[in-house]
Amino acid sequence: MIAASTDPEDEALQSIEASQVNFPVGYSVNEARISELTGALYQPDASGKPRPFLHTTNFLLDPEGKVNISVYSSGPLGRLVWQDVIQAVKHRKKMAAASK
């Protein structure tokens, strides 16, 4: 698992510590470029936020790096949670084993 944030390093580090994540997290990513590459919803006007922002976008990749599941959010809901990811991975492994 990896994550990326548009937050500057100091804010990203605060979020990492508060969330107690134990996986790599990038920071200071370019909002417009990530939106362009992934299709993530980008709000350059920031809607009252201190700077432009991306809405949460999640991808589950298969072992070859192909997008297996994508979740695009336009608000505070619509995110992959770890329990769902584990369930999806187990299901895909089971289906792959059954097809052999």
Protein backbone atom coordinates (compact mmCIF):
# COMPACT_ATOMS: atom_id res chain seq x y z
CA MET A 1 0.00 0.00 0.00
CA ILE A 2 1.15 3.50 -0.78
CA ALA A 3 -0.50 6.89 -0.50
CA ALA A 4 0.11 10.40 -1.74
CA SER A 5 -0.95 13.76 -0.41
CA THR A 6 -1.11 17.24 -1.82
CA ASP A 7 -0.23 18.54 1.63
CA PRO A 8 3.22 20.03 2.17
CA GLU A 9 5.68 17.83 4.07
CA ASP A 10 4.97 19.22 7.55
CA GLU A 11 1.19 18.76 7.24
CA ALA A 12 1.56 15.32 5.64
CA LEU A 13 3.81 14.21 8.49
CA GLN A 14 1.21 15.37 11.03
CA SER A 15 -1.47 13.33 9.23
CA ILE A 16 0.81 10.29 9.03
CA GLU A 17 1.53 10.47 12.75
CA ALA A 18 -2.12 11.04 13.68
CA SER A 19 -3.26 8.12 11.50
CA GLN A 20 -0.37 5.88 12.57
CA VAL A 21 0.09 4.61 9.01
CA ASN A 22 2.98 2.24 8.38
CA PHE A 23 3.26 2.49 4.61
CA PRO A 24 4.91 4.99 2.27
CA VAL A 25 3.17 8.33 1.88
CA GLY A 26 4.25 10.88 -0.71
CA TYR A 27 3.60 14.57 -0.17
CA SER A 28 3.43 17.84 -2.09
CA VAL A 29 2.04 16.12 -5.18
CA ASN A 30 0.80 18.39 -7.95
CA GLU A 31 -3.00 18.40 -7.81
CA ALA A 32 -3.61 19.28 -11.45
CA ARG A 33 -1.10 16.71 -12.75
CA ILE A 34 -2.46 13.88 -10.59
CA SER A 35 -5.99 14.74 -11.74
CA GLU A 36 -4.81 14.68 -15.33
CA LEU A 37 -3.11 11.28 -14.89
CA THR A 38 -5.78 9.52 -12.82
CA GLY A 39 -9.09 11.26 -13.43
CA ALA A 40 -9.32 12.29 -9.78
CA LEU A 41 -11.73 15.15 -9.13
CA TYR A 42 -9.72 18.37 -8.79
CA GLN A 43 -11.09 21.61 -7.38
CA PRO A 44 -8.77 24.45 -8.33
CA ASP A 45 -11.15 26.99 -6.76
CA ALA A 46 -10.69 25.17 -3.42
CA SER A 47 -14.28 25.92 -2.29
CA GLY A 48 -13.19 27.81 0.81
CA LYS A 49 -10.14 25.60 1.43
CA PRO A 50 -6.72 27.24 1.87
CA ARG A 51 -5.49 25.81 -1.45
CA PRO A 52 -6.68 23.72 -4.42
CA PHE A 53 -7.34 20.07 -3.59
CA LEU A 54 -8.00 16.62 -4.98
CA HIS A 55 -10.84 14.46 -3.81
CA THR A 56 -9.86 11.04 -2.58
CA THR A 57 -9.14 8.53 -5.33
CA ASN A 58 -8.25 4.90 -4.58
CA PHE A 59 -6.86 2.16 -6.79
CA LEU A 60 -6.36 -1.54 -6.15
CA LEU A 61 -3.76 -2.90 -8.55
CA ASP A 62 -3.27 -6.51 -9.57
CA PRO A 63 0.19 -8.13 -9.36
CA GLU A 64 0.99 -6.86 -12.88
CA GLY A 65 0.14 -3.27 -11.93
CA LYS A 66 -3.20 -3.16 -13.80
CA VAL A 67 -6.04 -1.27 -12.09
CA ASN A 68 -8.39 -3.86 -10.64
CA ILE A 69 -10.68 -1.54 -8.67
CA SER A 70 -10.94 2.23 -8.76
CA VAL A 71 -12.95 4.44 -6.43
CA TYR A 72 -13.42 8.13 -7.18
CA SER A 73 -14.86 10.30 -4.44
CA SER A 74 -16.48 13.71 -4.73
CA GLY A 75 -16.85 14.23 -1.00
CA PRO A 76 -16.13 12.73 2.41
CA LEU A 77 -17.60 9.31 1.49
CA GLY A 78 -16.48 6.81 -1.12
CA ARG A 79 -13.11 5.51 -0.04
CA LEU A 80 -11.61 2.06 -0.01
CA VAL A 81 -11.13 0.83 3.54
CA TRP A 82 -8.58 -1.82 4.39
CA GLN A 83 -11.22 -4.42 5.29
CA ASP A 84 -12.77 -4.15 1.83
CA VAL A 85 -9.36 -4.31 0.15
CA ILE A 86 -8.46 -7.51 2.00
CA GLN A 87 -11.83 -9.05 1.09
CA ALA A 88 -11.39 -8.07 -2.57
CA VAL A 89 -7.85 -9.48 -2.73
CA LYS A 90 -8.93 -12.78 -1.12
CA HIS A 91 -11.85 -13.05 -3.53
CA ARG A 92 -9.65 -12.38 -6.58
CA LYS A 93 -7.08 -14.94 -5.40
CA LYS A 94 -9.82 -17.51 -4.90
CA MET A 95 -11.25 -16.83 -8.37
CA ALA A 96 -7.79 -17.05 -9.95
CA ALA A 97 -7.09 -20.38 -8.21
CA ALA A 98 -10.48 -21.77 -9.32
CA SER A 99 -9.84 -20.88 -12.94
CA LYS A 100 -6.58 -22.89 -13.09
